[in-house]
Amino acid sequence: MGFRNRVSLRDSMRGIVEEPLLQLVPKRFDYIGNVAVISIPPELAAYKEAIASKLFSMRGNTRAVLNKVSKLGGEHRVADFELLLGETTETIHRENGYTYKLDVKKVFF
């Protein structure tokens, strides 16, 4: 499937999330290795699991979905995360010829 033919997360949640709330489904999310990170607004708390499942299925190698529940803070500038799906927040991220092994909940990346 080409880039332009991909269905957005918001579009794929149509029929699952009530129409008035659909506009609150985040347009963007990040992948760090095989961990998906998304910020789900409190108004969508009842749909967190459904959103996580859909996000999990959108990319074949996803092993965990995290909900970012706070802004960066503290000495190490780490946010708080809620593990929605998966068993671990540790991952291996490859970028520009480098390989990083990290725990997304413990480090700023």
N, C-alpha and C. Protein backbone atom coordinates (compact mmCIF):
# COMPACT_ATOMS: atom_id res chain seq x y z
N MET A 1 0.84 -1.16 0.00
CA MET A 1 0.00 0.00 0.00
C MET A 1 0.90 1.24 0.00
N GLY A 2 0.66 2.16 -0.89
CA GLY A 2 1.46 3.37 -0.99
C GLY A 2 1.16 4.34 0.13
N PHE A 3 2.07 5.28 0.33
CA PHE A 3 1.93 6.28 1.40
C PHE A 3 0.62 7.02 1.29
N ARG A 4 0.24 7.43 0.12
CA ARG A 4 -0.97 8.23 -0.07
C ARG A 4 -2.25 7.41 0.11
N ASN A 5 -2.15 6.09 0.03
CA ASN A 5 -3.32 5.24 0.16
C ASN A 5 -3.56 4.75 1.58
N ARG A 6 -2.67 5.08 2.50
CA ARG A 6 -2.82 4.62 3.88
C ARG A 6 -4.01 5.29 4.55
N VAL A 7 -4.66 4.54 5.39
CA VAL A 7 -5.78 5.06 6.16
C VAL A 7 -5.23 5.59 7.47
N SER A 8 -5.67 6.78 7.86
CA SER A 8 -5.19 7.37 9.11
C SER A 8 -5.81 6.64 10.30
N LEU A 9 -5.20 6.81 11.45
CA LEU A 9 -5.74 6.22 12.67
C LEU A 9 -7.15 6.75 12.91
N ARG A 10 -7.34 8.04 12.72
CA ARG A 10 -8.66 8.65 12.93
C ARG A 10 -9.70 8.01 12.00
N ASP A 11 -9.35 7.85 10.73
CA ASP A 11 -10.29 7.23 9.78
C ASP A 11 -10.58 5.78 10.15
N SER A 12 -9.57 5.08 10.63
CA SER A 12 -9.78 3.67 10.97
C SER A 12 -10.60 3.50 12.25
N MET A 13 -10.74 4.57 13.05
CA MET A 13 -11.55 4.52 14.27
C MET A 13 -13.00 4.92 14.02
N ARG A 14 -13.30 5.31 12.79
CA ARG A 14 -14.66 5.67 12.43
C ARG A 14 -15.57 4.45 12.63
N GLY A 15 -16.69 4.64 13.32
CA GLY A 15 -17.59 3.53 13.63
C GLY A 15 -17.28 2.89 14.97
N ILE A 16 -16.11 3.16 15.54
CA ILE A 16 -15.74 2.64 16.85
C ILE A 16 -15.88 3.75 17.89
N VAL A 17 -15.32 4.91 17.55
CA VAL A 17 -15.42 6.09 18.41
C VAL A 17 -16.63 6.89 17.94
N GLU A 18 -17.41 7.37 18.91
CA GLU A 18 -18.60 8.16 18.57
C GLU A 18 -18.21 9.36 17.72
N GLU A 19 -19.04 9.70 16.76
CA GLU A 19 -18.74 10.76 15.79
C GLU A 19 -18.33 12.09 16.44
N PRO A 20 -19.01 12.58 17.49
CA PRO A 20 -18.59 13.86 18.07
C PRO A 20 -17.18 13.82 18.67
N LEU A 21 -16.73 12.64 19.08
CA LEU A 21 -15.41 12.49 19.69
C LEU A 21 -14.32 12.12 18.69
N LEU A 22 -14.71 11.76 17.50
CA LEU A 22 -13.76 11.29 16.50
C LEU A 22 -12.66 12.31 16.21
N GLN A 23 -12.99 13.58 16.24
CA GLN A 23 -12.00 14.62 15.96
C GLN A 23 -10.91 14.68 17.03
N LEU A 24 -11.13 14.06 18.19
CA LEU A 24 -10.14 14.06 19.26
C LEU A 24 -9.11 12.93 19.12
N VAL A 25 -9.38 11.96 18.24
CA VAL A 25 -8.41 10.88 18.01
C VAL A 25 -7.14 11.51 17.44
N PRO A 26 -6.00 11.27 18.07
CA PRO A 26 -4.76 11.92 17.62
C PRO A 26 -4.42 11.62 16.17
N LYS A 27 -3.94 12.64 15.48
CA LYS A 27 -3.50 12.46 14.10
C LYS A 27 -2.10 11.89 14.04
N ARG A 28 -1.32 12.16 15.07
CA ARG A 28 0.07 11.72 15.02
C ARG A 28 0.41 10.84 16.21
N PHE A 29 1.39 10.01 15.99
CA PHE A 29 1.96 9.14 17.01
C PHE A 29 3.36 8.81 16.56
N ASP A 30 4.17 8.30 17.44
CA ASP A 30 5.56 8.00 17.13
C ASP A 30 5.87 6.54 17.36
N TYR A 31 6.89 6.08 16.67
CA TYR A 31 7.43 4.75 16.92
C TYR A 31 8.86 4.92 17.38
N ILE A 32 9.19 4.28 18.47
CA ILE A 32 10.56 4.18 18.94
C ILE A 32 10.85 2.69 18.91
N GLY A 33 11.65 2.28 17.95
CA GLY A 33 11.83 0.85 17.73
C GLY A 33 10.50 0.24 17.38
N ASN A 34 10.09 -0.76 18.16
CA ASN A 34 8.79 -1.40 17.90
C ASN A 34 7.74 -1.03 18.96
N VAL A 35 7.95 0.14 19.60
CA VAL A 35 7.00 0.65 20.59
C VAL A 35 6.30 1.89 20.01
N ALA A 36 4.99 1.85 19.96
CA ALA A 36 4.21 3.00 19.49
C ALA A 36 3.89 3.88 20.69
N VAL A 37 4.06 5.20 20.51
CA VAL A 37 3.78 6.17 21.57
C VAL A 37 2.74 7.15 21.06
N ILE A 38 1.65 7.29 21.81
CA ILE A 38 0.56 8.17 21.41
C ILE A 38 0.08 8.92 22.65
N SER A 39 -0.51 10.09 22.45
CA SER A 39 -1.12 10.85 23.55
C SER A 39 -2.63 10.87 23.34
N ILE A 40 -3.32 10.07 24.13
CA ILE A 40 -4.77 9.98 24.01
C ILE A 40 -5.40 10.95 25.02
N PRO A 41 -6.23 11.87 24.54
CA PRO A 41 -6.84 12.84 25.46
C PRO A 41 -7.79 12.16 26.45
N PRO A 42 -7.96 12.75 27.63
CA PRO A 42 -8.83 12.16 28.67
C PRO A 42 -10.26 11.92 28.19
N GLU A 43 -10.75 12.72 27.25
CA GLU A 43 -12.11 12.54 26.75
C GLU A 43 -12.30 11.20 26.05
N LEU A 44 -11.20 10.59 25.63
CA LEU A 44 -11.26 9.30 24.92
C LEU A 44 -10.87 8.13 25.81
N ALA A 45 -10.91 8.32 27.13
CA ALA A 45 -10.50 7.27 28.07
C ALA A 45 -11.24 5.95 27.82
N ALA A 46 -12.50 6.02 27.49
CA ALA A 46 -13.30 4.81 27.26
C ALA A 46 -12.85 4.05 26.01
N TYR A 47 -12.08 4.71 25.14
CA TYR A 47 -11.67 4.10 23.86
C TYR A 47 -10.17 3.77 23.82
N LYS A 48 -9.47 3.92 24.95
CA LYS A 48 -8.02 3.71 24.95
C LYS A 48 -7.62 2.34 24.42
N GLU A 49 -8.29 1.31 24.88
CA GLU A 49 -7.94 -0.04 24.46
C GLU A 49 -8.20 -0.26 22.97
N ALA A 50 -9.31 0.28 22.48
CA ALA A 50 -9.63 0.15 21.05
C ALA A 50 -8.62 0.89 20.19
N ILE A 51 -8.23 2.08 20.64
CA ILE A 51 -7.23 2.86 19.89
C ILE A 51 -5.89 2.13 19.91
N ALA A 52 -5.52 1.59 21.07
CA ALA A 52 -4.25 0.85 21.17
C ALA A 52 -4.26 -0.38 20.27
N SER A 53 -5.36 -1.10 20.23
CA SER A 53 -5.45 -2.29 19.37
C SER A 53 -5.33 -1.93 17.90
N LYS A 54 -5.98 -0.84 17.51
CA LYS A 54 -5.92 -0.41 16.11
C LYS A 54 -4.50 0.02 15.77
N LEU A 55 -3.87 0.77 16.64
CA LEU A 55 -2.49 1.22 16.42
C LEU A 55 -1.54 0.02 16.36
N PHE A 56 -1.77 -0.96 17.22
CA PHE A 56 -0.97 -2.17 17.26
C PHE A 56 -1.02 -2.91 15.92
N SER A 57 -2.19 -2.90 15.30
CA SER A 57 -2.36 -3.65 14.05
C SER A 57 -1.91 -2.88 12.80
N MET A 58 -1.63 -1.59 12.94
CA MET A 58 -1.29 -0.78 11.78
C MET A 58 0.13 -1.03 11.26
N ARG A 59 0.99 -1.55 12.10
CA ARG A 59 2.38 -1.83 11.72
C ARG A 59 2.75 -3.20 12.26
N GLY A 60 3.19 -4.07 11.40
CA GLY A 60 3.37 -5.48 11.74
C GLY A 60 4.32 -5.80 12.87
N ASN A 61 5.34 -4.96 13.11
CA ASN A 61 6.32 -5.31 14.13
C ASN A 61 6.09 -4.60 15.47
N THR A 62 4.94 -3.99 15.67
CA THR A 62 4.65 -3.29 16.92
C THR A 62 4.50 -4.31 18.05
N ARG A 63 5.23 -4.07 19.14
CA ARG A 63 5.16 -5.00 20.28
C ARG A 63 4.54 -4.37 21.52
N ALA A 64 4.39 -3.04 21.51
CA ALA A 64 3.78 -2.37 22.66
C ALA A 64 3.20 -1.03 22.22
N VAL A 65 2.18 -0.58 22.95
CA VAL A 65 1.59 0.74 22.72
C VAL A 65 1.57 1.46 24.06
N LEU A 66 2.15 2.67 24.07
CA LEU A 66 2.20 3.49 25.28
C LEU A 66 1.36 4.74 25.09
N ASN A 67 0.68 5.13 26.14
CA ASN A 67 -0.07 6.38 26.17
C ASN A 67 0.75 7.37 27.00
N LYS A 68 1.14 8.47 26.39
CA LYS A 68 1.90 9.49 27.10
C LYS A 68 0.91 10.29 27.94
N VAL A 69 1.05 10.22 29.27
CA VAL A 69 0.06 10.84 30.15
C VAL A 69 0.56 12.11 30.83
N SER A 70 1.80 12.50 30.57
CA SER A 70 2.31 13.75 31.14
C SER A 70 3.33 14.36 30.19
N LYS A 71 3.64 15.62 30.42
CA LYS A 71 4.67 16.28 29.64
C LYS A 71 6.03 15.90 30.19
N LEU A 72 7.08 16.21 29.44
CA LEU A 72 8.43 15.94 29.90
C LEU A 72 8.69 16.72 31.18
N GLY A 73 9.35 16.08 32.12
CA GLY A 73 9.64 16.75 33.38
C GLY A 73 10.78 16.09 34.12
N GLY A 74 11.20 16.73 35.16
CA GLY A 74 12.27 16.18 35.99
C GLY A 74 13.65 16.43 35.40
N GLU A 75 14.63 16.03 36.16
CA GLU A 75 16.03 16.24 35.77
C GLU A 75 16.38 15.57 34.45
N HIS A 76 15.80 14.41 34.20
CA HIS A 76 16.12 13.64 33.00
C HIS A 76 15.12 13.86 31.86
N ARG A 77 14.16 14.77 32.05
CA ARG A 77 13.17 15.12 31.03
C ARG A 77 12.45 13.88 30.48
N VAL A 78 11.89 13.11 31.38
CA VAL A 78 11.16 11.89 31.02
C VAL A 78 9.68 12.11 31.32
N ALA A 79 8.82 11.66 30.43
CA ALA A 79 7.37 11.75 30.63
C ALA A 79 6.87 10.50 31.34
N ASP A 80 5.64 10.55 31.80
CA ASP A 80 4.98 9.37 32.36
C ASP A 80 4.18 8.70 31.25
N PHE A 81 4.23 7.38 31.24
CA PHE A 81 3.54 6.61 30.21
C PHE A 81 2.68 5.54 30.86
N GLU A 82 1.61 5.21 30.18
CA GLU A 82 0.72 4.12 30.57
C GLU A 82 0.84 3.03 29.51
N LEU A 83 1.20 1.83 29.91
CA LEU A 83 1.32 0.71 28.97
C LEU A 83 -0.09 0.21 28.66
N LEU A 84 -0.53 0.42 27.42
CA LEU A 84 -1.88 0.03 27.01
C LEU A 84 -1.92 -1.38 26.44
N LEU A 85 -0.86 -1.75 25.74
CA LEU A 85 -0.84 -3.05 25.07
C LEU A 85 0.60 -3.51 24.98
N GLY A 86 0.84 -4.77 25.23
CA GLY A 86 2.19 -5.32 25.17
C GLY A 86 2.68 -5.68 26.56
N GLU A 87 3.90 -6.19 26.60
CA GLU A 87 4.45 -6.66 27.87
C GLU A 87 5.66 -5.87 28.35
N THR A 88 6.35 -5.19 27.45
CA THR A 88 7.56 -4.49 27.86
C THR A 88 7.68 -3.16 27.12
N THR A 89 8.37 -2.23 27.75
CA THR A 89 8.62 -0.93 27.13
C THR A 89 10.06 -0.84 26.64
N GLU A 90 10.80 -1.92 26.75
CA GLU A 90 12.16 -1.96 26.23
C GLU A 90 12.11 -2.24 24.73
N THR A 91 13.01 -1.60 23.99
CA THR A 91 13.03 -1.77 22.54
C THR A 91 14.44 -1.55 22.01
N ILE A 92 14.63 -1.90 20.78
CA ILE A 92 15.87 -1.60 20.05
C ILE A 92 15.48 -0.70 18.90
N HIS A 93 16.08 0.48 18.87
CA HIS A 93 15.79 1.48 17.85
C HIS A 93 17.03 1.64 16.97
N ARG A 94 16.83 1.59 15.67
CA ARG A 94 17.94 1.76 14.72
C ARG A 94 17.73 3.04 13.94
N GLU A 95 18.79 3.83 13.85
CA GLU A 95 18.71 5.11 13.16
C GLU A 95 20.10 5.54 12.71
N ASN A 96 20.23 5.90 11.45
CA ASN A 96 21.48 6.41 10.88
C ASN A 96 22.69 5.52 11.18
N GLY A 97 22.49 4.22 11.09
CA GLY A 97 23.58 3.28 11.28
C GLY A 97 23.89 2.97 12.74
N TYR A 98 23.17 3.54 13.68
CA TYR A 98 23.37 3.30 15.09
C TYR A 98 22.22 2.47 15.64
N THR A 99 22.51 1.68 16.66
CA THR A 99 21.51 0.86 17.31
C THR A 99 21.46 1.25 18.78
N TYR A 100 20.26 1.56 19.25
CA TYR A 100 20.05 1.96 20.63
C TYR A 100 19.13 0.95 21.32
N LYS A 101 19.54 0.45 22.48
CA LYS A 101 18.67 -0.37 23.29
C LYS A 101 18.23 0.51 24.46
N LEU A 102 16.91 0.67 24.62
CA LEU A 102 16.42 1.58 25.64
C LEU A 102 15.07 1.16 26.16
N ASP A 103 14.72 1.70 27.30
CA ASP A 103 13.39 1.54 27.88
C ASP A 103 12.71 2.89 27.73
N VAL A 104 11.68 2.95 26.94
CA VAL A 104 11.01 4.20 26.60
C VAL A 104 10.47 4.90 27.85
N LYS A 105 10.08 4.13 28.87
CA LYS A 105 9.55 4.74 30.10
C LYS A 105 10.63 5.36 30.98
N LYS A 106 11.90 5.03 30.72
CA LYS A 106 12.96 5.46 31.62
C LYS A 106 13.90 6.53 31.06
N VAL A 107 13.91 6.71 29.75
CA VAL A 107 14.87 7.66 29.16
C VAL A 107 14.18 8.62 28.20
N PHE A 108 14.79 9.77 28.01
CA PHE A 108 14.33 10.73 27.02
C PHE A 108 14.90 10.32 25.67
N PHE A 109 14.05 10.21 24.67
CA PHE A 109 14.54 9.85 23.34
C PHE A 109 13.80 10.67 22.31
